Amino acid sequence: APAAAAPAAAAPAAAAPAAGSATGSLGFLAVTTGSASSDSHKPSPYIADVQWVNGLTDRALRVTPTEAGRTSWGPRDEADAWAELVALEPGVDTPGMHQQFSCHWVFARVVDPTRRAWQFEPWRPVVPDAMMIATGCNPGSGSSSGS
């Protein structure tokens, strides 16, 4: 008699972040950093100061994170920090500014955790996540080294 077909294998479960990592998001791109502890949530505030300044081509919003804003990696911290920023400066609540913020929250804090401030420019376009990352969170012409 022919052998019975083996039952279909169950789909593999999504891998959980490794110990010593934390997960953040940028649009639909999920990233896991190996440099943060998954239990390193720190309470807000995450934003110390916001100030409109003259940027490279137009005005820019300089955002100074608190120590918690530089080092907290809890699962809701990015969303809470964005809500805190919008409460401090409601005009920032646009897709392009949110994308720049997410890129800085997820990547710039890892690349340069001691950076004093981040700069977001309203004129920068919304771009695919890979381009946002490739441009150092500064898509569009005239990338500023101070962002």
Protein backbone atom coordinates (compact mmCIF):
# COMPACT_ATOMS: atom_id res chain seq x y z
CA ALA A 1 0.00 0.00 0.00
CA PRO A 2 1.26 3.46 -0.79
CA ALA A 3 2.60 5.41 2.17
CA ALA A 4 0.30 8.05 3.55
CA ALA A 5 1.31 11.60 2.76
CA ALA A 6 3.03 13.33 5.60
CA PRO A 7 0.94 16.05 7.20
CA ALA A 8 1.85 19.56 6.05
CA ALA A 9 4.35 21.19 8.33
CA ALA A 10 3.06 24.03 10.38
CA ALA A 11 4.30 27.46 9.35
CA PRO A 12 7.29 28.45 11.41
CA ALA A 13 6.54 30.88 14.20
CA ALA A 14 7.94 34.37 13.84
CA ALA A 15 11.25 34.60 15.56
CA ALA A 16 11.22 36.56 18.77
CA PRO A 17 13.87 39.22 19.21
CA ALA A 18 17.00 37.77 20.71
CA ALA A 19 17.84 38.50 24.31
CA GLY A 20 19.57 41.85 24.51
CA SER A 21 17.71 43.34 21.54
CA ALA A 22 14.81 45.71 21.13
CA THR A 23 12.37 46.16 18.30
CA GLY A 24 11.29 49.42 16.72
CA SER A 25 9.48 50.31 13.51
CA LEU A 26 9.84 52.67 10.61
CA GLY A 27 6.73 52.53 8.48
CA PHE A 28 6.29 48.91 7.53
CA LEU A 29 9.92 48.05 8.15
CA ALA A 30 10.49 46.27 11.44
CA VAL A 31 13.98 46.42 12.78
CA THR A 32 15.73 44.81 15.68
CA THR A 33 18.76 46.42 17.23
CA GLY A 34 21.32 44.33 19.04
CA SER A 35 22.53 47.23 21.15
CA ALA A 36 19.54 47.76 23.40
CA SER A 37 18.07 45.71 26.18
CA SER A 38 14.51 44.59 25.53
CA ASP A 39 13.52 45.61 29.04
CA SER A 40 15.11 49.06 28.90
CA HIS A 41 11.88 51.09 29.01
CA LYS A 42 12.34 54.41 30.76
CA PRO A 43 9.42 56.63 31.71
CA SER A 44 8.70 59.84 29.85
CA PRO A 45 9.34 62.65 29.23
CA TYR A 46 11.24 61.77 26.08
CA ILE A 47 11.45 65.29 24.64
CA ALA A 48 13.39 68.00 26.50
CA ASP A 49 12.95 70.87 24.05
CA VAL A 50 11.59 71.77 20.62
CA GLN A 51 12.61 74.88 18.74
CA TRP A 52 12.11 76.14 15.19
CA VAL A 53 15.47 77.16 13.70
CA ASN A 54 16.79 78.23 10.31
CA GLY A 55 17.62 75.05 8.48
CA LEU A 56 19.55 74.28 5.30
CA THR A 57 16.86 75.52 2.89
CA ASP A 58 13.99 76.52 5.14
CA ARG A 59 12.98 76.37 8.76
CA ALA A 60 13.59 73.17 10.69
CA LEU A 61 12.36 71.81 13.98
CA ARG A 62 15.21 71.04 16.37
CA VAL A 63 14.14 68.35 18.84
CA THR A 64 16.27 67.73 21.90
CA PRO A 65 15.54 64.35 23.47
CA THR A 66 15.87 63.72 27.19
CA GLU A 67 18.18 60.99 28.47
CA ALA A 68 15.15 58.66 28.38
CA GLY A 69 14.49 59.79 24.80
CA ARG A 70 17.99 58.72 23.86
CA THR A 71 18.02 55.37 25.66
CA SER A 72 14.50 53.99 26.22
CA TRP A 73 13.55 50.94 24.12
CA GLY A 74 10.15 49.88 25.45
CA PRO A 75 7.61 48.59 22.92
CA ARG A 76 5.44 51.75 23.09
CA ASP A 77 8.17 54.32 23.66
CA GLU A 78 8.43 55.50 20.04
CA ALA A 79 4.67 56.10 19.80
CA ASP A 80 4.61 57.80 23.21
CA ALA A 81 7.55 60.03 22.26
CA TRP A 82 5.84 61.02 19.00
CA ALA A 83 2.62 61.87 20.87
CA GLU A 84 4.67 63.93 23.31
CA LEU A 85 6.31 65.83 20.44
CA VAL A 86 2.95 66.49 18.74
CA ALA A 87 1.55 67.80 22.05
CA LEU A 88 4.50 70.20 22.34
CA GLU A 89 4.39 71.27 18.67
CA PRO A 90 1.10 70.32 16.92
CA GLY A 91 2.33 71.54 13.51
CA VAL A 92 4.78 68.65 13.38
CA ASP A 93 2.00 66.09 12.84
CA THR A 94 2.58 65.39 9.13
CA PRO A 95 3.59 62.16 7.41
CA GLY A 96 7.04 63.46 6.40
CA MET A 97 7.90 64.78 9.84
CA HIS A 98 6.64 61.57 11.45
CA GLN A 99 8.78 59.48 9.10
CA GLN A 100 11.89 61.57 9.94
CA PHE A 101 11.13 61.19 13.66
CA SER A 102 10.71 57.41 13.35
CA CYS A 103 13.97 57.11 11.45
CA HIS A 104 15.82 59.08 14.12
CA TRP A 105 14.14 57.12 16.93
CA VAL A 106 14.96 53.74 15.43
CA PHE A 107 18.33 54.36 13.74
CA ALA A 108 19.98 57.66 14.68
CA ARG A 109 19.85 56.84 18.40
CA VAL A 110 21.85 53.67 17.70
CA VAL A 111 24.34 55.28 15.30
CA ASP A 112 24.98 58.34 17.50
CA PRO A 113 23.37 57.92 20.94
CA THR A 114 25.03 61.06 22.29
CA ARG A 115 23.73 63.45 19.60
CA ARG A 116 22.34 66.45 21.42
CA ALA A 117 19.45 67.19 19.04
CA TRP A 118 17.69 65.99 15.92
CA GLN A 119 16.46 68.27 13.14
CA PHE A 120 13.33 67.63 11.11
CA GLU A 121 12.47 69.67 8.02
CA PRO A 122 8.85 69.96 6.84
CA TRP A 123 9.91 70.16 3.17
CA ARG A 124 11.50 66.70 3.12
CA PRO A 125 9.46 64.15 1.13
CA VAL A 126 7.92 60.92 2.34
CA VAL A 127 10.01 58.18 0.73
CA PRO A 128 10.25 54.39 0.89
CA ASP A 129 11.80 53.20 4.15
CA ALA A 130 14.96 51.92 2.45
CA MET A 131 15.59 55.36 0.95
CA MET A 132 14.92 57.04 4.29
CA ILE A 133 17.56 54.84 5.90
CA ALA A 134 20.02 55.20 2.99
CA THR A 135 19.83 59.00 3.24
CA GLY A 136 20.54 59.04 6.97
CA CYS A 137 16.95 60.08 7.78
CA ASN A 138 17.30 63.14 5.49
CA PRO A 139 15.62 62.37 2.15
CA GLY A 140 15.51 64.95 -0.61
CA SER A 141 18.12 67.31 -1.96
CA GLY A 142 20.46 69.18 0.32
CA SER A 143 20.76 66.70 3.21
CA SER A 144 21.88 68.48 6.35
CA SER A 145 24.66 67.05 8.46
CA GLY A 146 22.97 68.51 11.53
CA SER A 147 19.86 66.36 11.28
